Amino acid sequence: MFEYDLLVVGSANADLVVGVERRPGAGETVLGSDLALHPGGKGANQAVAAARLGARTALLARVGDDAHGRLLLDSQRAAGVDTSGVLVGGAPTGVALITVDPSGDNSIVVSPGANGRLTPDDIREPSASTLLAASRVVSTQLEIPLETVEEVVRGLRPGTRFVLNPSPPRELPAPVLAACDPLIVNEHEARVVLGADAGATPEEWAGALLALGPRSVVVTLGEEGALVADASGTARVPAVEVTAVDTTGAGDSFTAALAWRLGTGESLADSAAYAARVGAVAVTRQGAQASFPTAEEVAAV
């Protein structure tokens, strides 16, 4: 029935990465490593991560007609992603400025560029509607306009599962929340979505988020694993112990793996456990897309 296991609707960025011993304070300059250029963006990352695991994957996004855009298209095609839904032009390709410290933690500033020009009209185009109808799971994020995400939700076909990572976080309209199955958040994202009523523990965050309307919720907890919650209750998913080198893109690989496995019929907890293994492999390698493992590499963990 479905031509694609996963359609990712989202951002595509060129990642400009610098290693630093520590991040500068206000008005301060620090020296960093040589600049590295990688294909990235949450949408593009998720598409590559899923395709590398073996999922039949398509990407609906917008890039600029420039060198960064060509880099991103080449990386998608090399991973086996269907790029027929990637629009070209309208603005320069989005750029993410990333610093990575010795512990592997990163800080990111994104210039959206062409991502901000992916509009609801683009989602209503026949080519995009065809992709939505042909996909078992649709995953998106908030590095594209929220009104575009809302149009994706309106365009979902019966039987298609919707997965949202609200990053960067903001308050979400009720129809988007109601479609999420699951809503995937970290602690920061949970607190922004919930506002003053966030609570103090992951279980409280998950309960409060479910009360807003999602069919299921996943709270990622870094080294502590993840928590999954739906109408049947909550469960903790343990992390896989590894030595982190670079966490850039790890959350995207987790989301992609989770979305794919849910589409195969696995339970929320089992899908999250698999996704945790995928993310664990990713953080042991430099970069975002270059760090994403194959299914065979995950099976060896």
C-alpha atoms as a PDB file:
ATOM      1  CA  MET A   1       0.000   0.000   0.000  1.00  0.00           C
ATOM      2  CA  PHE A   2       2.763   2.455   0.924  1.00  0.00           C
ATOM      3  CA  GLU A   3       5.664   3.222  -1.409  1.00  0.00           C
ATOM      4  CA  TYR A   4       7.726   4.815   1.378  1.00  0.00           C
ATOM      5  CA  ASP A   5       8.351   3.708   4.945  1.00  0.00           C
ATOM      6  CA  LEU A   6       9.128   7.294   5.945  1.00  0.00           C
ATOM      7  CA  LEU A   7       8.601  10.736   4.465  1.00  0.00           C
ATOM      8  CA  VAL A   8      10.575  13.466   6.212  1.00  0.00           C
ATOM      9  CA  VAL A   9       9.257  17.003   5.774  1.00  0.00           C
ATOM     10  CA  GLY A  10      11.790  19.420   7.148  1.00  0.00           C
ATOM     11  CA  SER A  11      14.991  21.363   7.017  1.00  0.00           C
ATOM     12  CA  ALA A  12      18.193  20.879   5.073  1.00  0.00           C
ATOM     13  CA  ASN A  13      21.244  22.836   6.213  1.00  0.00           C
ATOM     14  CA  ALA A  14      24.945  23.056   5.594  1.00  0.00           C
ATOM     15  CA  ASP A  15      26.596  22.435   8.985  1.00  0.00           C
ATOM     16  CA  LEU A  16      29.647  24.619   9.671  1.00  0.00           C
ATOM     17  CA  VAL A  17      31.366  22.959  12.623  1.00  0.00           C
ATOM     18  CA  VAL A  18      34.186  24.243  14.855  1.00  0.00           C
ATOM     19  CA  GLY A  19      35.646  22.414  17.851  1.00  0.00           C
ATOM     20  CA  VAL A  20      36.279  24.593  20.913  1.00  0.00           C
ATOM     21  CA  GLU A  21      37.842  24.021  24.309  1.00  0.00           C
ATOM     22  CA  ARG A  22      35.057  26.177  25.745  1.00  0.00           C
ATOM     23  CA  ARG A  23      32.408  28.478  24.373  1.00  0.00           C
ATOM     24  CA  PRO A  24      33.028  32.232  24.535  1.00  0.00           C
ATOM     25  CA  GLY A  25      31.230  34.516  26.902  1.00  0.00           C
ATOM     26  CA  ALA A  26      29.687  37.811  25.837  1.00  0.00           C
ATOM     27  CA  GLY A  27      32.273  39.995  24.094  1.00  0.00           C
ATOM     28  CA  GLU A  28      34.898  37.225  24.216  1.00  0.00           C
ATOM     29  CA  THR A  29      36.814  35.559  21.373  1.00  0.00           C
ATOM     30  CA  VAL A  30      38.156  32.006  21.576  1.00  0.00           C
ATOM     31  CA  LEU A  31      40.159  30.016  19.063  1.00  0.00           C
ATOM     32  CA  GLY A  32      38.735  26.826  17.603  1.00  0.00           C
ATOM     33  CA  SER A  33      39.652  23.984  15.291  1.00  0.00           C
ATOM     34  CA  ASP A  34      39.676  24.107  11.506  1.00  0.00           C
ATOM     35  CA  LEU A  35      36.219  24.661  10.051  1.00  0.00           C
ATOM     36  CA  ALA A  36      34.465  21.490   8.870  1.00  0.00           C
ATOM     37  CA  LEU A  37      31.564  21.498   6.408  1.00  0.00           C
ATOM     38  CA  HIS A  38      28.950  18.736   6.634  1.00  0.00           C
ATOM     39  CA  PRO A  39      25.477  18.180   5.169  1.00  0.00           C
ATOM     40  CA  GLY A  40      22.909  18.594   7.944  1.00  0.00           C
ATOM     41  CA  GLY A  41      19.581  20.028   9.024  1.00  0.00           C
ATOM     42  CA  LYS A  42      17.094  18.067  11.093  1.00  0.00           C
ATOM     43  CA  GLY A  43      15.000  16.998   8.125  1.00  0.00           C
ATOM     44  CA  ALA A  44      17.904  15.996   5.920  1.00  0.00           C
ATOM     45  CA  ASN A  45      19.578  14.246   8.860  1.00  0.00           C
ATOM     46  CA  GLN A  46      16.492  12.180   9.626  1.00  0.00           C
ATOM     47  CA  ALA A  47      16.086  11.160   6.000  1.00  0.00           C
ATOM     48  CA  VAL A  48      19.691   9.979   5.695  1.00  0.00           C
ATOM     49  CA  ALA A  49      19.558   8.187   9.050  1.00  0.00           C
ATOM     50  CA  ALA A  50      16.431   6.249   8.091  1.00  0.00           C
ATOM     51  CA  ALA A  51      17.688   5.378   4.610  1.00  0.00           C
ATOM     52  CA  ARG A  52      20.991   4.146   5.979  1.00  0.00           C
ATOM     53  CA  LEU A  53      19.080   1.798   8.267  1.00  0.00           C
ATOM     54  CA  GLY A  54      17.238   0.378   5.265  1.00  0.00           C
ATOM     55  CA  ALA A  55      13.981   2.351   5.294  1.00  0.00           C
ATOM     56  CA  ARG A  56      12.431   3.409   1.995  1.00  0.00           C
ATOM     57  CA  THR A  57      12.727   7.139   2.544  1.00  0.00           C
ATOM     58  CA  ALA A  58      11.769  10.388   0.818  1.00  0.00           C
ATOM     59  CA  LEU A  59      12.558  14.004   1.728  1.00  0.00           C
ATOM     60  CA  LEU A  60      10.323  17.029   1.190  1.00  0.00           C
ATOM     61  CA  ALA A  61      12.395  20.170   1.746  1.00  0.00           C
ATOM     62  CA  ARG A  62      13.788  23.305   0.091  1.00  0.00           C
ATOM     63  CA  VAL A  63      17.430  24.184  -0.600  1.00  0.00           C
ATOM     64  CA  GLY A  64      19.107  27.049  -2.404  1.00  0.00           C
ATOM     65  CA  ASP A  65      20.450  26.920  -5.929  1.00  0.00           C
ATOM     66  CA  ASP A  66      24.013  26.997  -4.626  1.00  0.00           C
ATOM     67  CA  ALA A  67      26.965  24.828  -3.653  1.00  0.00           C
ATOM     68  CA  HIS A  68      25.514  24.022  -0.234  1.00  0.00           C
ATOM     69  CA  GLY A  69      22.267  22.900  -1.852  1.00  0.00           C
ATOM     70  CA  ARG A  70      24.118  20.614  -4.227  1.00  0.00           C
ATOM     71  CA  LEU A  71      26.079  19.159  -1.304  1.00  0.00           C
ATOM     72  CA  LEU A  72      22.832  18.347   0.478  1.00  0.00           C
ATOM     73  CA  LEU A  73      21.200  16.773  -2.564  1.00  0.00           C
ATOM     74  CA  ASP A  74      24.288  14.669  -3.239  1.00  0.00           C
ATOM     75  CA  SER A  75      24.350  13.385   0.345  1.00  0.00           C
ATOM     76  CA  GLN A  76      20.663  12.429   0.212  1.00  0.00           C
ATOM     77  CA  ARG A  77      21.032  10.556  -3.049  1.00  0.00           C
ATOM     78  CA  ALA A  78      24.167   8.794  -1.853  1.00  0.00           C
ATOM     79  CA  ALA A  79      22.198   7.460   1.126  1.00  0.00           C
ATOM     80  CA  GLY A  80      19.382   6.253  -1.121  1.00  0.00           C
ATOM     81  CA  VAL A  81      16.825   8.938  -0.253  1.00  0.00           C
ATOM     82  CA  ASP A  82      14.224   9.869  -2.887  1.00  0.00           C
ATOM     83  CA  THR A  83      14.795  13.604  -3.481  1.00  0.00           C
ATOM     84  CA  SER A  84      11.953  14.195  -5.919  1.00  0.00           C
ATOM     85  CA  GLY A  85      10.273  16.306  -3.220  1.00  0.00           C
ATOM     86  CA  VAL A  86      13.254  18.608  -2.639  1.00  0.00           C
ATOM     87  CA  LEU A  87      12.543  22.069  -4.073  1.00  0.00           C
ATOM     88  CA  VAL A  88      15.420  24.273  -5.241  1.00  0.00           C
ATOM     89  CA  GLY A  89      15.604  28.066  -5.084  1.00  0.00           C
ATOM     90  CA  GLY A  90      13.869  30.935  -3.328  1.00  0.00           C
ATOM     91  CA  ALA A  91      16.731  31.728  -0.939  1.00  0.00           C
ATOM     92  CA  PRO A  92      20.242  30.523  -0.078  1.00  0.00           C
ATOM     93  CA  THR A  93      20.509  27.096   1.523  1.00  0.00           C
ATOM     94  CA  GLY A  94      20.090  27.136   5.294  1.00  0.00           C
ATOM     95  CA  VAL A  95      23.251  27.135   7.416  1.00  0.00           C
ATOM     96  CA  ALA A  96      23.885  25.853  10.951  1.00  0.00           C
ATOM     97  CA  LEU A  97      26.813  27.289  12.920  1.00  0.00           C
ATOM     98  CA  ILE A  98      27.902  24.580  15.364  1.00  0.00           C
ATOM     99  CA  THR A  99      30.480  24.531  18.144  1.00  0.00           C
ATOM    100  CA  VAL A 100      31.485  21.229  19.745  1.00  0.00           C
ATOM    101  CA  ASP A 101      33.284  21.067  23.089  1.00  0.00           C
ATOM    102  CA  PRO A 102      35.660  18.317  24.302  1.00  0.00           C
ATOM    103  CA  SER A 103      32.798  16.371  25.928  1.00  0.00           C
ATOM    104  CA  GLY A 104      31.010  16.121  22.579  1.00  0.00           C
ATOM    105  CA  ASP A 105      28.230  18.548  23.536  1.00  0.00           C
ATOM    106  CA  ASN A 106      27.232  21.052  20.885  1.00  0.00           C
ATOM    107  CA  SER A 107      25.649  24.488  20.580  1.00  0.00           C
ATOM    108  CA  ILE A 108      23.896  25.444  17.347  1.00  0.00           C
ATOM    109  CA  VAL A 109      22.707  28.643  15.691  1.00  0.00           C
ATOM    110  CA  VAL A 110      20.636  28.156  12.537  1.00  0.00           C
ATOM    111  CA  SER A 111      20.142  30.609   9.674  1.00  0.00           C
ATOM    112  CA  PRO A 112      17.024  29.082   8.039  1.00  0.00           C
ATOM    113  CA  GLY A 113      17.502  30.435   4.521  1.00  0.00           C
ATOM    114  CA  ALA A 114      15.524  28.311   2.053  1.00  0.00           C
ATOM    115  CA  ASN A 115      13.974  26.302   4.899  1.00  0.00           C
ATOM    116  CA  GLY A 116      11.906  29.340   5.807  1.00  0.00           C
ATOM    117  CA  ARG A 117      10.531  29.395   2.256  1.00  0.00           C
ATOM    118  CA  LEU A 118       9.038  25.901   2.440  1.00  0.00           C
ATOM    119  CA  THR A 119       5.423  27.060   2.509  1.00  0.00           C
ATOM    120  CA  PRO A 120       1.945  25.562   2.935  1.00  0.00           C
ATOM    121  CA  ASP A 121       1.457  26.109  -0.800  1.00  0.00           C
ATOM    122  CA  ASP A 122       4.413  23.769  -1.407  1.00  0.00           C
ATOM    123  CA  ILE A 123       2.694  21.084   0.701  1.00  0.00           C
ATOM    124  CA  ARG A 124      -0.525  21.506  -1.298  1.00  0.00           C
ATOM    125  CA  GLU A 125       1.260  20.911  -4.602  1.00  0.00           C
ATOM    126  CA  PRO A 126       0.248  17.626  -6.300  1.00  0.00           C
ATOM    127  CA  SER A 127       3.803  16.259  -6.073  1.00  0.00           C
ATOM    128  CA  ALA A 128       3.879  16.786  -2.298  1.00  0.00           C
ATOM    129  CA  SER A 129       0.375  15.389  -1.866  1.00  0.00           C
ATOM    130  CA  THR A 130       1.473  12.277  -3.741  1.00  0.00           C
ATOM    131  CA  LEU A 131       4.400  11.805  -1.357  1.00  0.00           C
ATOM    132  CA  LEU A 132       2.156  12.237   1.692  1.00  0.00           C
ATOM    133  CA  ALA A 133      -0.306   9.673   0.360  1.00  0.00           C
ATOM    134  CA  ALA A 134       2.466   7.173  -0.387  1.00  0.00           C
ATOM    135  CA  SER A 135       4.157   7.259   3.052  1.00  0.00           C
ATOM    136  CA  ARG A 136       3.510   4.990   6.013  1.00  0.00           C
ATOM    137  CA  VAL A 137       5.034   7.484   8.490  1.00  0.00           C
ATOM    138  CA  VAL A 138       5.570  11.243   8.142  1.00  0.00           C
ATOM    139  CA  SER A 139       8.128  12.951  10.374  1.00  0.00           C
ATOM    140  CA  THR A 140       8.765  16.668  10.728  1.00  0.00           C
ATOM    141  CA  GLN A 141      10.395  19.289  12.977  1.00  0.00           C
ATOM    142  CA  LEU A 142      10.199  23.050  13.541  1.00  0.00           C
ATOM    143  CA  GLU A 143      13.167  24.274  11.488  1.00  0.00           C
ATOM    144  CA  ILE A 144      10.527  24.970   8.842  1.00  0.00           C
ATOM    145  CA  PRO A 145       7.543  27.335   9.353  1.00  0.00           C
ATOM    146  CA  LEU A 146       4.908  26.118  11.802  1.00  0.00           C
ATOM    147  CA  GLU A 147       2.146  26.871   9.305  1.00  0.00           C
ATOM    148  CA  THR A 148       3.852  24.444   6.925  1.00  0.00           C
ATOM    149  CA  VAL A 149       3.789  21.745   9.608  1.00  0.00           C
ATOM    150  CA  GLU A 150       0.100  22.492  10.135  1.00  0.00           C
ATOM    151  CA  GLU A 151      -0.498  21.965   6.411  1.00  0.00           C
ATOM    152  CA  VAL A 152       1.348  18.636   6.586  1.00  0.00           C
ATOM    153  CA  VAL A 153      -1.054  17.541   9.329  1.00  0.00           C
ATOM    154  CA  ARG A 154      -4.054  18.597   7.234  1.00  0.00           C
ATOM    155  CA  GLY A 155      -2.659  16.622   4.299  1.00  0.00           C
ATOM    156  CA  LEU A 156      -2.135  13.338   6.159  1.00  0.00           C
ATOM    157  CA  ARG A 157      -3.935  10.329   4.738  1.00  0.00           C
ATOM    158  CA  PRO A 158      -5.815   7.747   6.830  1.00  0.00           C
ATOM    159  CA  GLY A 159      -3.393   5.142   8.110  1.00  0.00           C
ATOM    160  CA  THR A 160      -0.351   7.428   8.017  1.00  0.00           C
ATOM    161  CA  ARG A 161       1.431   7.985  11.332  1.00  0.00           C
ATOM    162  CA  PHE A 162       2.706  11.465  12.221  1.00  0.00           C
ATOM    163  CA  VAL A 163       5.877  12.029  14.263  1.00  0.00           C
ATOM    164  CA  LEU A 164       6.981  15.479  15.453  1.00  0.00           C
ATOM    165  CA  ASN A 165      10.147  16.673  17.156  1.00  0.00           C
ATOM    166  CA  PRO A 166       9.302  20.305  18.080  1.00  0.00           C
ATOM    167  CA  SER A 167      12.827  21.672  17.692  1.00  0.00           C
ATOM    168  CA  PRO A 168      13.437  24.549  18.060  1.00  0.00           C
ATOM    169  CA  PRO A 169      10.555  24.407  20.537  1.00  0.00           C
ATOM    170  CA  ARG A 170       7.501  26.633  20.694  1.00  0.00           C
ATOM    171  CA  GLU A 171       3.874  26.377  21.715  1.00  0.00           C
ATOM    172  CA  LEU A 172       1.973  24.053  19.388  1.00  0.00           C
ATOM    173  CA  PRO A 173      -1.577  24.356  18.059  1.00  0.00           C
ATOM    174  CA  ALA A 174      -4.091  21.747  19.166  1.00  0.00           C
ATOM    175  CA  PRO A 175      -4.540  20.061  15.739  1.00  0.00           C
ATOM    176  CA  VAL A 176      -0.779  19.453  15.477  1.00  0.00           C
ATOM    177  CA  LEU A 177      -0.581  18.081  19.009  1.00  0.00           C
ATOM    178  CA  ALA A 178      -3.555  15.802  18.394  1.00  0.00           C
ATOM    179  CA  ALA A 179      -1.878  14.277  15.335  1.00  0.00           C
ATOM    180  CA  CYS A 180       1.421  13.433  17.069  1.00  0.00           C
ATOM    181  CA  ASP A 181       2.071   9.723  17.565  1.00  0.00           C
ATOM    182  CA  PRO A 182       4.529  10.340  19.113  1.00  0.00           C
ATOM    183  CA  LEU A 183       5.601  13.826  20.083  1.00  0.00           C
ATOM    184  CA  ILE A 184       9.370  13.508  20.730  1.00  0.00           C
ATOM    185  CA  VAL A 185      10.952  16.035  23.101  1.00  0.00           C
ATOM    186  CA  ASN A 186      14.017  16.515  25.268  1.00  0.00           C
ATOM    187  CA  GLU A 187      13.788  18.251  28.644  1.00  0.00           C
ATOM    188  CA  HIS A 188      14.211  21.756  27.194  1.00  0.00           C
ATOM    189  CA  GLU A 189      11.605  21.176  24.493  1.00  0.00           C
ATOM    190  CA  ALA A 190       9.164  19.691  26.995  1.00  0.00           C
ATOM    191  CA  ARG A 191       9.458  22.724  29.263  1.00  0.00           C
ATOM    192  CA  VAL A 192       8.903  25.175  26.402  1.00  0.00           C
ATOM    193  CA  VAL A 193       5.847  23.308  25.069  1.00  0.00           C
ATOM    194  CA  LEU A 194       4.369  22.966  28.562  1.00  0.00           C
ATOM    195  CA  GLY A 195       5.299  26.380  29.929  1.00  0.00           C
ATOM    196  CA  ALA A 196       4.827  26.902  33.660  1.00  0.00           C
ATOM    197  CA  ASP A 197       3.017  23.569  34.085  1.00  0.00           C
ATOM    198  CA  ALA A 198       5.981  21.426  33.099  1.00  0.00           C
ATOM    199  CA  GLY A 199       6.483  19.604  36.402  1.00  0.00           C
ATOM    200  CA  ALA A 200       9.764  18.301  37.820  1.00  0.00           C
ATOM    201  CA  THR A 201      10.250  14.767  36.457  1.00  0.00           C
ATOM    202  CA  PRO A 202      10.143  13.101  33.026  1.00  0.00           C
ATOM    203  CA  GLU A 203       7.047  11.193  34.104  1.00  0.00           C
ATOM    204  CA  GLU A 204       5.325  14.478  34.969  1.00  0.00           C
ATOM    205  CA  TRP A 205       6.408  16.057  31.667  1.00  0.00           C
ATOM    206  CA  ALA A 206       5.079  13.077  29.738  1.00  0.00           C
ATOM    207  CA  GLY A 207       1.764  13.101  31.596  1.00  0.00           C
ATOM    208  CA  ALA A 208       1.300  16.820  31.064  1.00  0.00           C
ATOM    209  CA  LEU A 209       2.189  16.515  27.382  1.00  0.00           C
ATOM    210  CA  LEU A 210      -0.285  13.658  26.860  1.00  0.00           C
ATOM    211  CA  ALA A 211      -2.956  15.857  28.435  1.00  0.00           C
ATOM    212  CA  LEU A 212      -2.404  18.344  25.608  1.00  0.00           C
ATOM    213  CA  GLY A 213      -3.585  15.802  23.055  1.00  0.00           C
ATOM    214  CA  PRO A 214      -0.757  13.686  21.523  1.00  0.00           C
ATOM    215  CA  ARG A 215      -1.497   9.997  21.157  1.00  0.00           C
ATOM    216  CA  SER A 216       1.950   9.173  22.529  1.00  0.00           C
ATOM    217  CA  VAL A 217       5.028  10.956  23.882  1.00  0.00           C
ATOM    218  CA  VAL A 218       8.739  10.158  23.979  1.00  0.00           C
ATOM    219  CA  VAL A 219      11.024  12.138  26.280  1.00  0.00           C
ATOM    220  CA  THR A 220      14.705  11.736  25.453  1.00  0.00           C
ATOM    221  CA  LEU A 221      17.002  11.903  28.474  1.00  0.00           C
ATOM    222  CA  GLY A 222      20.537  11.727  27.065  1.00  0.00           C
ATOM    223  CA  GLU A 223      22.719   9.433  29.143  1.00  0.00           C
ATOM    224  CA  GLU A 224      19.638   8.329  31.093  1.00  0.00           C
ATOM    225  CA  GLY A 225      17.914   6.906  28.017  1.00  0.00           C
ATOM    226  CA  ALA A 226      14.321   7.832  27.270  1.00  0.00           C
ATOM    227  CA  LEU A 227      10.804   7.638  28.639  1.00  0.00           C
ATOM    228  CA  VAL A 228       7.847   6.556  26.507  1.00  0.00           C
ATOM    229  CA  ALA A 229       4.225   7.222  27.357  1.00  0.00           C
ATOM    230  CA  ASP A 230       0.806   6.580  25.850  1.00  0.00           C
ATOM    231  CA  ALA A 231      -2.664   5.727  27.057  1.00  0.00           C
ATOM    232  CA  SER A 232      -1.424   2.362  28.384  1.00  0.00           C
ATOM    233  CA  GLY A 233       1.141   3.941  30.727  1.00  0.00           C
ATOM    234  CA  THR A 234       4.804   4.952  30.836  1.00  0.00           C
ATOM    235  CA  ALA A 235       8.057   3.022  30.580  1.00  0.00           C
ATOM    236  CA  ARG A 236      11.745   3.855  30.857  1.00  0.00           C
ATOM    237  CA  VAL A 237      14.103   2.877  28.052  1.00  0.00           C
ATOM    238  CA  PRO A 238      17.727   2.553  29.188  1.00  0.00           C
ATOM    239  CA  ALA A 239      20.590   4.207  27.353  1.00  0.00           C
ATOM    240  CA  VAL A 240      23.469   2.323  25.754  1.00  0.00           C
ATOM    241  CA  GLU A 241      26.766   3.228  27.435  1.00  0.00           C
ATOM    242  CA  VAL A 242      29.314   4.638  24.983  1.00  0.00           C
ATOM    243  CA  THR A 243      32.010   7.307  24.966  1.00  0.00           C
ATOM    244  CA  ALA A 244      30.534  10.342  23.216  1.00  0.00           C
ATOM    245  CA  VAL A 245      32.680  12.130  20.640  1.00  0.00           C
ATOM    246  CA  ASP A 246      30.110  14.410  18.990  1.00  0.00           C
ATOM    247  CA  THR A 247      26.384  14.566  19.757  1.00  0.00           C
ATOM    248  CA  THR A 248      25.533  16.530  16.597  1.00  0.00           C
ATOM    249  CA  GLY A 249      22.668  14.769  14.809  1.00  0.00           C
ATOM    250  CA  ALA A 250      22.214  12.082  17.451  1.00  0.00           C
ATOM    251  CA  GLY A 251      18.684  13.208  18.257  1.00  0.00           C
ATOM    252  CA  ASP A 252      17.824  13.168  14.565  1.00  0.00           C
ATOM    253  CA  SER A 253      19.073   9.607  14.173  1.00  0.00           C
ATOM    254  CA  PHE A 254      17.001   8.605  17.224  1.00  0.00           C
ATOM    255  CA  THR A 255      13.852  10.184  15.784  1.00  0.00           C
ATOM    256  CA  ALA A 256      14.365   8.618  12.350  1.00  0.00           C
ATOM    257  CA  ALA A 257      14.970   5.150  13.754  1.00  0.00           C
ATOM    258  CA  LEU A 258      11.975   5.419  16.081  1.00  0.00           C
ATOM    259  CA  ALA A 259       9.668   6.591  13.291  1.00  0.00           C
ATOM    260  CA  TRP A 260      10.784   3.814  10.966  1.00  0.00           C
ATOM    261  CA  ARG A 261      10.408   1.035  13.526  1.00  0.00           C
ATOM    262  CA  LEU A 262       6.959   2.276  14.551  1.00  0.00           C
ATOM    263  CA  GLY A 263       5.942   2.025  10.914  1.00  0.00           C
ATOM    264  CA  THR A 264       6.970  -1.643  10.868  1.00  0.00           C
ATOM    265  CA  GLY A 265       4.531  -2.336  13.696  1.00  0.00           C
ATOM    266  CA  GLU A 266       6.937  -2.425  16.647  1.00  0.00           C
ATOM    267  CA  SER A 267       5.725  -1.145  20.001  1.00  0.00           C
ATOM    268  CA  LEU A 268       6.640   2.336  21.192  1.00  0.00           C
ATOM    269  CA  ALA A 269       9.001   0.980  23.866  1.00  0.00           C
ATOM    270  CA  ASP A 270      10.757  -1.452  21.506  1.00  0.00           C
ATOM    271  CA  SER A 271      11.083   1.216  18.826  1.00  0.00           C
ATOM    272  CA  ALA A 272      12.612   3.622  21.347  1.00  0.00           C
ATOM    273  CA  ALA A 273      15.040   0.956  22.553  1.00  0.00           C
ATOM    274  CA  TYR A 274      16.207   0.382  18.975  1.00  0.00           C
ATOM    275  CA  ALA A 275      16.449   4.136  18.393  1.00  0.00           C
ATOM    276  CA  ALA A 276      18.584   4.472  21.524  1.00  0.00           C
ATOM    277  CA  ARG A 277      21.067   1.990  20.045  1.00  0.00           C
ATOM    278  CA  VAL A 278      21.169   3.967  16.799  1.00  0.00           C
ATOM    279  CA  GLY A 279      21.815   7.210  18.673  1.00  0.00           C
ATOM    280  CA  ALA A 280      24.505   5.554  20.770  1.00  0.00           C
ATOM    281  CA  VAL A 281      26.470   4.574  17.669  1.00  0.00           C
ATOM    282  CA  ALA A 282      26.051   8.047  16.181  1.00  0.00           C
ATOM    283  CA  VAL A 283      27.574   9.899  19.144  1.00  0.00           C
ATOM    284  CA  THR A 284      30.800   7.861  18.888  1.00  0.00           C
ATOM    285  CA  ARG A 285      31.568   9.450  15.498  1.00  0.00           C
ATOM    286  CA  GLN A 286      32.215  12.968  14.249  1.00  0.00           C
ATOM    287  CA  GLY A 287      29.599  14.921  12.329  1.00  0.00           C
ATOM    288  CA  ALA A 288      25.911  14.400  11.784  1.00  0.00           C
ATOM    289  CA  GLN A 289      25.085  12.397   8.667  1.00  0.00           C
ATOM    290  CA  ALA A 290      28.556  10.863   8.498  1.00  0.00           C
ATOM    291  CA  SER A 291      27.961   9.351  11.947  1.00  0.00           C
ATOM    292  CA  PHE A 292      24.711   7.540  11.165  1.00  0.00           C
ATOM    293  CA  PRO A 293      24.999   3.736  11.301  1.00  0.00           C
ATOM    294  CA  THR A 294      23.678   0.987   9.075  1.00  0.00           C
ATOM    295  CA  ALA A 295      21.342  -1.666  10.454  1.00  0.00           C
ATOM    296  CA  GLU A 296      24.259  -4.092  10.558  1.00  0.00           C
ATOM    297  CA  GLU A 297      26.300  -1.709  12.693  1.00  0.00           C
ATOM    298  CA  VAL A 298      23.378  -1.241  15.091  1.00  0.00           C
ATOM    299  CA  ALA A 299      22.941  -4.999  15.396  1.00  0.00           C
ATOM    300  CA  ALA A 300      26.561  -5.255  16.564  1.00  0.00           C
ATOM    301  CA  VAL A 301      25.955  -2.910  19.539  1.00  0.00           C
END
